[in-house]
């Protein structure tokens, strides 16, 4: 049976799994039912697996002979938000049964596609050499599950990694596997400005942290022209502001937080340097003080597709879906822990389109109206299987600069918090 025909034969199962997960979403590090669904499906396929506590699940598919090892990764968690029953045009096919969590990023589709690919690859295990590791990651949205899962995968060892992210602004039927930068590093900032509060009738006797923030915010808009390379992309925004409790009171403190996103280390470092200098100068000018409520450090966790792996991926999509399925797409300025895997394993992160105007899909990720075109799921399954088969055909490993530090040391050097479960 050809790959496309085989994939179509399991399409209803993949959609069933996706809809089940969508109805019962679980937020980061609470994916107990989701993990039971994954392990049940692996049991049905007689695929051996291990549960990594507070990390996820790893499944093992052994080929006919020893060979290279490839990781196929998906994420499990939902977002802590209420979903709208409507997409951009009509009622959704399936909606979360809780107001406290929703799959408004597509992770339900990611997990369902990987389970579909697992079934097809398991049926073909006598036709390829090597090992496939199925990695289902907990806590992707807040980065809390990757440490233990990545550490275990490094212990096992692998020669490459593949991942997919459904993409709301790419047309259904199109896939991007371009080489180079694909997703951004991030500088999360959370700051408190302290002034001297007072009565609203006498602002001249107070030192308003709001006035200080207003000046800083205006100056921040000029950081691009004064501190940053105009040829390297960056985005930055402030998403939270907290100040005051009464109309006639000038508050003592103000808190704000936001993020900057960048695709190159030097651009991220330059932004952080400029941000800190502007904040210090502005607070000094307004007779205020400031305090960082979280370490003011950039997280250089870029997703960067290896050239060789991207070439394999393009050929795989051409082989299985045709050249017309390929699309060149710019880097996405969101952030993803997949880049941490790529420090240890050369790989490619594919964007699979789910935009369909007629069906009303295409709302931005993390939006209450987000919905996916289920026709895209089979394309993701096929691309995953073909990439795995083509990758494992290679007799020589992909050459790349492998991270030499342990996972523990990497997280320490990147100032990344390691999730510790509550007692």
Protein backbone atom coordinates (compact mmCIF):
# COMPACT_ATOMS: atom_id res chain seq x y z
CA UNK A 1 0.00 0.00 0.00
CA UNK A 2 1.37 3.42 -0.96
CA UNK A 3 2.08 5.93 1.78
CA UNK A 4 -0.68 8.33 0.77
CA UNK A 5 -3.27 5.54 0.58
CA UNK A 6 -2.09 4.11 3.91
CA UNK A 7 -2.34 7.53 5.54
CA UNK A 8 -5.85 8.08 4.25
CA UNK A 9 -6.86 4.71 5.68
CA UNK A 10 -6.03 5.92 9.22
CA UNK A 11 -7.26 9.49 8.79
CA UNK A 12 -10.42 8.86 10.80
CA UNK A 13 -8.32 7.56 13.72
CA UNK A 14 -6.08 10.62 13.68
CA UNK A 15 -9.09 12.93 13.63
CA UNK A 16 -10.73 10.93 16.42
CA UNK A 17 -7.66 11.34 18.63
CA UNK A 18 -7.37 15.03 17.84
CA UNK A 19 -11.02 15.70 18.68
CA UNK A 20 -10.82 13.70 21.90
CA UNK A 21 -7.77 15.66 23.06
CA UNK A 22 -9.42 18.91 22.03
CA UNK A 23 -12.49 18.19 24.15
CA UNK A 24 -10.35 17.37 27.19
CA UNK A 25 -7.44 19.85 27.21
CA UNK A 26 -4.93 19.96 30.04
CA UNK A 27 -2.54 22.81 30.76
CA UNK A 28 1.21 22.52 31.22
CA UNK A 29 2.36 19.78 33.61
CA UNK A 30 -1.20 18.64 34.24
CA UNK A 31 -1.47 16.41 31.16
CA UNK A 32 -2.44 13.25 33.04
CA UNK A 33 -5.39 12.24 30.86
CA UNK A 34 -3.51 13.27 27.72
CA UNK A 35 -0.63 10.97 28.62
CA UNK A 36 -3.08 8.15 29.26
CA UNK A 37 -4.50 8.67 25.76
CA UNK A 38 -1.00 8.58 24.25
CA UNK A 39 0.08 5.47 26.12
CA UNK A 40 -3.22 3.71 25.34
CA UNK A 41 -2.69 4.31 21.64
CA UNK A 42 0.91 3.07 21.87
CA UNK A 43 -0.30 -0.03 23.72
CA UNK A 44 -2.81 -0.68 20.94
CA UNK A 45 0.07 -0.55 18.46
CA UNK A 46 2.33 -2.74 20.64
CA UNK A 47 4.90 0.04 20.72
CA UNK A 48 7.18 -0.02 23.74
CA UNK A 49 7.37 3.23 25.68
CA UNK A 50 8.57 4.81 28.88
CA UNK A 51 7.04 7.65 30.85
CA UNK A 52 9.52 10.36 31.81
CA UNK A 53 8.17 11.83 35.07
CA UNK A 54 7.40 15.52 34.61
CA UNK A 55 8.73 15.35 31.08
CA UNK A 56 6.47 13.28 28.85
CA UNK A 57 6.50 9.97 26.99
CA UNK A 58 9.10 8.31 24.76
CA UNK A 59 8.03 5.52 22.39
CA UNK A 60 10.46 3.13 20.67
CA UNK A 61 10.11 1.69 17.16
CA UNK A 62 12.98 -0.64 16.27
CA UNK A 63 13.80 -1.25 12.62
CA UNK A 64 14.93 -4.48 11.03
CA UNK A 65 18.62 -3.83 11.75
CA UNK A 66 20.72 -1.41 13.80
CA UNK A 67 21.21 1.99 12.24
CA UNK A 68 20.72 5.66 12.97
CA UNK A 69 18.20 6.97 15.49
CA UNK A 70 15.68 9.69 14.72
CA UNK A 71 13.49 11.57 17.22
CA UNK A 72 9.97 12.58 16.19
CA UNK A 73 8.61 15.17 18.62
CA UNK A 74 5.14 16.49 19.50
CA UNK A 75 3.80 18.57 22.39
CA UNK A 76 0.90 17.71 24.71
CA UNK A 77 -0.31 20.74 26.64
CA UNK A 78 -3.12 23.24 26.16
CA UNK A 79 -3.41 26.89 27.17
CA UNK A 80 -5.10 28.22 30.33
CA UNK A 81 -7.86 30.12 28.53
CA UNK A 82 -11.48 29.91 27.44
CA UNK A 83 -12.16 28.91 23.86
CA UNK A 84 -14.77 30.49 21.62
CA UNK A 85 -17.21 28.02 20.03
CA UNK A 86 -16.83 29.99 16.77
CA UNK A 87 -13.88 30.16 14.43
CA UNK A 88 -13.58 33.01 11.91
CA UNK A 89 -16.66 31.94 9.97
CA UNK A 90 -18.75 29.27 11.67
CA UNK A 91 -19.18 27.02 14.67
CA UNK A 92 -16.21 24.80 15.37
CA UNK A 93 -16.47 21.05 14.87
CA UNK A 94 -15.17 20.43 18.38
CA UNK A 95 -14.80 22.69 21.43
CA UNK A 96 -13.16 22.33 24.83
CA UNK A 97 -15.46 21.03 27.56
CA UNK A 98 -13.87 23.33 30.15
CA UNK A 99 -13.57 27.08 30.43
CA UNK A 100 -10.16 26.74 32.07
CA UNK A 101 -8.16 25.20 29.22
CA UNK A 102 -8.19 25.07 25.44
CA UNK A 103 -6.08 23.74 22.58
CA UNK A 104 -5.79 27.10 20.85
CA UNK A 105 -2.27 26.48 19.54
CA UNK A 106 -2.64 23.14 17.75
CA UNK A 107 -0.90 20.74 20.12
CA UNK A 108 -3.86 18.36 19.90
CA UNK A 109 -3.14 18.12 16.19
CA UNK A 110 0.59 17.66 16.79
CA UNK A 111 0.00 14.72 19.13
CA UNK A 112 -2.59 13.12 16.86
CA UNK A 113 -0.29 13.41 13.82
CA UNK A 114 2.61 11.79 15.65
CA UNK A 115 0.43 8.90 16.79
CA UNK A 116 -0.74 8.47 13.20
CA UNK A 117 2.85 8.51 11.96
CA UNK A 118 3.76 5.99 14.67
CA UNK A 119 1.17 3.55 13.36
CA UNK A 120 2.43 3.77 9.78
CA UNK A 121 6.09 3.55 10.77
CA UNK A 122 5.43 0.62 13.08
CA UNK A 123 3.79 -1.22 10.19
CA UNK A 124 6.93 -0.55 8.12
CA UNK A 125 9.57 -1.34 10.75
CA UNK A 126 10.78 -4.36 8.77
CA UNK A 127 11.62 -2.07 5.84
CA UNK A 128 14.07 0.30 7.51
CA UNK A 129 17.22 0.17 9.61
CA UNK A 130 17.62 2.07 12.83
CA UNK A 131 15.37 3.33 15.59
CA UNK A 132 12.62 5.90 15.84
CA UNK A 133 11.98 7.66 19.14
CA UNK A 134 8.51 9.13 19.60
CA UNK A 135 8.88 12.08 21.98
CA UNK A 136 5.69 13.55 23.49
CA UNK A 137 6.65 16.64 25.48
CA UNK A 138 4.82 18.00 28.50
CA UNK A 139 4.64 21.68 29.35
CA UNK A 140 5.78 23.16 26.05
CA UNK A 141 3.88 26.40 26.58
CA UNK A 142 5.90 27.38 29.64
CA UNK A 143 9.01 25.29 28.98
CA UNK A 144 8.54 23.19 32.11
CA UNK A 145 8.71 19.71 30.62
CA UNK A 146 11.63 19.84 28.24
CA UNK A 147 14.45 19.54 30.78
CA UNK A 148 13.70 15.98 31.88
CA UNK A 149 12.58 14.81 28.44
CA UNK A 150 15.64 16.26 26.69
CA UNK A 151 17.97 14.87 29.34
CA UNK A 152 16.55 11.39 28.82
CA UNK A 153 16.78 11.67 25.02
CA UNK A 154 20.43 12.72 25.30
CA UNK A 155 21.04 9.71 27.53
CA UNK A 156 19.47 7.42 24.91
CA UNK A 157 21.23 9.15 22.03
CA UNK A 158 20.01 10.06 18.56
CA UNK A 159 21.27 11.29 15.21
CA UNK A 160 18.50 13.71 14.30
CA UNK A 161 15.14 15.20 15.21
CA UNK A 162 11.95 16.21 13.40
CA UNK A 163 9.08 18.34 14.63
CA UNK A 164 5.94 20.00 13.27
CA UNK A 165 4.02 23.12 14.14
CA UNK A 166 0.65 23.69 12.53
CA UNK A 167 0.61 27.27 11.19
CA UNK A 168 -2.53 29.38 11.05
CA UNK A 169 -1.42 31.74 8.28
CA UNK A 170 -0.17 29.12 5.81
CA UNK A 171 -2.70 27.68 3.39
CA UNK A 172 -3.80 24.10 3.97
CA UNK A 173 -1.83 21.86 1.62
CA UNK A 174 1.42 23.81 2.00
CA UNK A 175 4.45 22.94 4.14
CA UNK A 176 7.58 24.96 4.91
CA UNK A 177 10.87 23.25 5.79
CA UNK A 178 13.23 26.09 4.91
CA UNK A 179 16.80 25.98 6.24
CA UNK A 180 18.14 28.54 8.68
CA UNK A 181 16.33 30.55 11.39
CA UNK A 182 12.72 29.46 11.90
CA UNK A 183 11.69 30.64 15.38
CA UNK A 184 13.04 33.22 17.79
CA UNK A 185 15.01 33.55 20.96
CA UNK A 186 13.28 35.56 23.67
CA UNK A 187 14.04 38.17 26.32
CA UNK A 188 11.23 38.12 28.88
CA UNK A 189 11.25 41.13 31.18
CA UNK A 190 9.28 41.98 34.32
CA UNK A 191 10.09 45.26 36.02
CA UNK A 192 8.92 47.25 39.02
CA UNK A 193 9.39 51.04 39.06
CA UNK A 194 9.27 52.71 42.48
CA UNK A 195 8.40 56.36 43.01
CA UNK A 196 6.78 58.28 45.86
CA UNK A 197 2.99 58.20 46.03
CA UNK A 198 0.66 60.93 47.14
CA UNK A 199 -2.72 62.63 46.87
CA UNK A 200 -4.18 63.22 43.42
CA UNK A 201 -4.78 66.87 44.37
CA UNK A 202 -1.03 67.51 44.82
CA UNK A 203 0.93 65.64 42.15
CA UNK A 204 3.73 68.17 42.65
CA UNK A 205 4.42 66.57 46.03
CA UNK A 206 4.64 63.04 44.60
CA UNK A 207 7.03 61.21 42.27
CA UNK A 208 4.88 59.30 39.84
CA UNK A 209 6.21 55.97 38.56
CA UNK A 210 3.62 56.26 35.80
CA UNK A 211 5.30 59.37 34.41
CA UNK A 212 8.62 57.54 34.54
CA UNK A 213 7.18 54.53 32.71
CA UNK A 214 5.55 56.77 30.10
CA UNK A 215 8.93 58.32 29.24
CA UNK A 216 10.62 54.93 29.18
CA UNK A 217 7.95 53.45 26.93
CA UNK A 218 8.30 56.32 24.45
CA UNK A 219 12.07 55.95 24.40
CA UNK A 220 11.79 52.19 23.94
CA UNK A 221 10.21 52.81 20.56
CA UNK A 222 13.50 54.38 19.43
CA UNK A 223 15.71 51.49 20.54
CA UNK A 224 15.63 49.98 17.06
CA UNK A 225 17.23 53.02 15.44
CA UNK A 226 19.69 53.79 18.22
CA UNK A 227 20.92 50.37 19.38
CA UNK A 228 19.97 47.61 16.91
CA UNK A 229 21.23 46.31 13.59
CA UNK A 230 18.60 47.36 10.99
CA UNK A 231 19.33 44.24 8.94
CA UNK A 232 18.48 41.76 11.71
CA UNK A 233 14.82 41.16 12.66
CA UNK A 234 13.41 41.81 16.12
CA UNK A 235 10.00 42.38 17.68
CA UNK A 236 9.21 43.62 21.16
CA UNK A 237 6.12 44.54 23.11
CA UNK A 238 4.78 45.22 26.59
CA UNK A 239 1.79 43.04 27.35
CA UNK A 240 1.09 43.76 31.02
CA UNK A 241 0.90 46.96 33.06
CA UNK A 242 -0.22 47.22 36.69
CA UNK A 243 -0.55 50.55 38.47
CA UNK A 244 -2.81 52.16 41.04
CA UNK A 245 -6.02 51.23 42.78
CA UNK A 246 -7.90 54.50 43.22
CA UNK A 247 -8.59 57.52 41.00
CA UNK A 248 -7.35 60.06 43.52
CA UNK A 249 -4.17 58.27 44.61
CA UNK A 250 -0.77 58.48 42.95
CA UNK A 251 0.67 55.03 43.52
CA UNK A 252 4.11 54.26 44.87
CA UNK A 253 4.90 51.45 42.41
CA UNK A 254 4.20 50.32 38.87
CA UNK A 255 4.90 46.95 37.31
CA UNK A 256 5.20 46.08 33.64
CA UNK A 257 6.23 43.02 31.68
CA UNK A 258 6.71 41.95 28.10
CA UNK A 259 9.03 40.19 25.68
CA UNK A 260 11.46 40.81 22.87
CA UNK A 261 11.95 38.22 20.12
CA UNK A 262 15.00 37.91 17.89
CA UNK A 263 16.63 35.46 15.49
CA UNK A 264 20.29 36.27 16.14
CA UNK A 265 22.28 36.31 19.37
CA UNK A 266 23.94 39.65 18.69
CA UNK A 267 20.58 41.34 18.12
CA UNK A 268 19.16 39.94 21.35
CA UNK A 269 22.21 40.98 23.36
CA UNK A 270 22.09 44.48 21.85
CA UNK A 271 18.42 44.87 22.77
CA UNK A 272 19.01 43.78 26.36
CA UNK A 273 21.91 46.20 26.72
CA UNK A 274 19.89 49.10 25.30
CA UNK A 275 16.82 48.20 27.37
CA UNK A 276 18.78 48.19 30.61
CA UNK A 277 20.56 51.46 29.87
CA UNK A 278 17.32 53.23 28.91
CA UNK A 279 15.58 52.01 32.05
CA UNK A 280 18.42 53.16 34.30
CA UNK A 281 18.71 56.60 32.66
CA UNK A 282 14.95 57.19 32.67
CA UNK A 283 14.49 56.22 36.30
CA UNK A 284 17.39 58.42 37.31
CA UNK A 285 15.93 61.37 35.40
CA UNK A 286 12.53 60.91 37.11
CA UNK A 287 14.00 60.36 40.58
CA UNK A 288 12.64 56.79 40.63
CA UNK A 289 14.25 53.42 41.30
CA UNK A 290 13.64 50.10 39.60
CA UNK A 291 13.87 46.41 40.29
CA UNK A 292 13.86 43.42 37.94
CA UNK A 293 11.25 40.95 39.17
CA UNK A 294 12.80 38.21 37.06
CA UNK A 295 16.40 37.89 35.85
CA UNK A 296 16.92 40.27 32.95
CA UNK A 297 18.63 37.81 30.66
CA UNK A 298 17.96 36.78 27.05
CA UNK A 299 17.14 33.14 26.32
CA UNK A 300 19.02 32.13 23.20
CA UNK A 301 16.86 29.15 22.20
CA UNK A 302 16.46 29.73 18.48
CA UNK A 303 14.91 27.15 16.21
CA UNK A 304 17.35 26.82 13.33
CA UNK A 305 16.86 24.21 10.63
CA UNK A 306 19.99 22.32 9.68
CA UNK A 307 20.77 22.68 5.96
CA UNK A 308 21.23 18.97 5.38
CA UNK A 309 18.08 18.05 7.28
CA UNK A 310 16.09 20.73 5.43
CA UNK A 311 17.30 19.26 2.14
CA UNK A 312 16.15 15.79 3.23
CA UNK A 313 12.81 17.27 4.29
CA UNK A 314 12.25 19.04 0.98
CA UNK A 315 12.97 15.85 -0.91
CA UNK A 316 10.69 13.89 1.41
CA UNK A 317 7.77 16.23 0.80
CA UNK A 318 8.41 16.20 -2.93
CA UNK A 319 8.52 12.39 -2.90
CA UNK A 320 5.32 11.96 -0.91
CA UNK A 321 3.15 15.02 -1.60
CA UNK A 322 4.62 16.62 -4.70
CA UNK A 323 6.72 19.73 -5.20
CA UNK A 324 3.64 21.97 -5.14
CA UNK A 325 3.21 21.23 -1.43
CA UNK A 326 6.44 23.07 -0.62
CA UNK A 327 6.31 26.74 0.31
CA UNK A 328 9.01 29.20 1.31
CA UNK A 329 7.93 30.98 4.48
CA UNK A 330 9.73 33.56 6.64
CA UNK A 331 10.83 32.83 10.17
CA UNK A 332 8.14 32.98 12.86
CA UNK A 333 9.00 35.42 15.65
CA UNK A 334 7.34 33.28 18.32
CA UNK A 335 9.53 31.11 20.55
CA UNK A 336 9.69 27.32 20.89
CA UNK A 337 11.82 24.98 23.03
CA UNK A 338 12.45 22.82 19.95
CA UNK A 339 15.64 24.86 19.53
CA UNK A 340 17.02 23.26 22.68
CA UNK A 341 16.69 19.81 21.11
CA UNK A 342 18.54 21.08 18.05
CA UNK A 343 21.58 21.86 20.18
CA UNK A 344 22.07 18.12 20.62
CA UNK A 345 20.46 16.67 17.48
CA UNK A 346 20.50 18.13 13.96
CA UNK A 347 16.98 18.59 12.77
CA UNK A 348 14.19 20.37 11.01
CA UNK A 349 11.03 22.03 12.30
CA UNK A 350 8.25 22.02 9.72
CA UNK A 351 5.39 24.50 9.42
CA UNK A 352 2.22 22.79 8.16
CA UNK A 353 -0.53 25.09 6.94
CA UNK A 354 -4.07 25.00 8.39
CA UNK A 355 -5.51 28.20 6.89
CA UNK A 356 -8.76 27.61 4.99
CA UNK A 357 -10.96 30.64 4.37
CA UNK A 358 -14.01 28.58 3.43
CA UNK A 359 -13.84 26.63 6.70
CA UNK A 360 -13.08 29.69 8.82
CA UNK A 361 -9.69 28.49 10.03
CA UNK A 362 -6.85 30.97 10.23
CA UNK A 363 -7.27 32.82 13.53
CA UNK A 364 -3.94 33.51 15.19
CA UNK A 365 -2.46 30.98 17.60
CA UNK A 366 -3.48 31.57 21.24
CA UNK A 367 -6.62 33.33 20.01
CA UNK A 368 -10.02 32.15 21.32
CA UNK A 369 -11.22 31.69 17.71
CA UNK A 370 -8.23 29.53 16.71
CA UNK A 371 -9.27 26.43 14.79
CA UNK A 372 -7.48 24.01 12.52
CA UNK A 373 -8.37 22.48 9.18
CA UNK A 374 -8.35 18.75 9.85
CA UNK A 375 -7.48 18.08 6.21
CA UNK A 376 -3.95 19.19 7.11
CA UNK A 377 -3.43 16.37 9.60
CA UNK A 378 -2.83 13.70 6.98
CA UNK A 379 -0.27 15.89 5.24
CA UNK A 380 1.64 16.17 8.50
CA UNK A 381 1.49 12.41 9.01
CA UNK A 382 2.74 11.71 5.49
CA UNK A 383 5.55 14.28 5.71
CA UNK A 384 6.67 12.85 9.06
CA UNK A 385 6.74 9.25 7.85
CA UNK A 386 8.53 10.04 4.60
CA UNK A 387 11.12 12.18 6.39
CA UNK A 388 11.80 9.37 8.86
CA UNK A 389 12.22 6.80 6.09
CA UNK A 390 14.48 9.06 4.03
CA UNK A 391 16.57 10.09 7.04
CA UNK A 392 17.17 6.52 8.16
CA UNK A 393 18.27 5.52 4.64
CA UNK A 394 21.40 7.62 5.07
CA UNK A 395 24.52 5.67 5.89
CA UNK A 396 26.42 8.64 7.33
CA UNK A 397 25.34 10.89 10.21
CA UNK A 398 24.55 14.54 9.56
CA UNK A 399 27.56 16.72 10.40
CA UNK A 400 26.85 19.52 12.86
CA UNK A 401 28.24 21.29 15.92
CA UNK A 402 26.83 19.25 18.77
CA UNK A 403 26.33 20.85 22.17
CA UNK A 404 29.10 19.60 24.45
CA UNK A 405 27.59 20.71 27.74
CA UNK A 406 25.31 18.46 29.73
CA UNK A 407 21.63 19.36 29.71
CA UNK A 408 21.99 20.41 33.35
CA UNK A 409 24.87 22.74 32.51
CA UNK A 410 23.11 24.14 29.46
CA UNK A 411 20.04 25.07 31.49
CA UNK A 412 22.25 26.61 34.17
CA UNK A 413 24.20 28.68 31.65
CA UNK A 414 20.99 29.82 29.93
CA UNK A 415 19.50 30.72 33.35
CA UNK A 416 16.53 28.48 32.61
CA UNK A 417 14.40 27.39 35.52
CA UNK A 418 14.06 23.65 36.00
CA UNK A 419 10.51 22.65 36.85
CA UNK A 420 10.16 21.15 40.32
CA UNK A 421 6.79 19.52 41.08
CA UNK A 422 4.94 20.57 44.20
CA UNK A 423 4.80 18.02 47.00
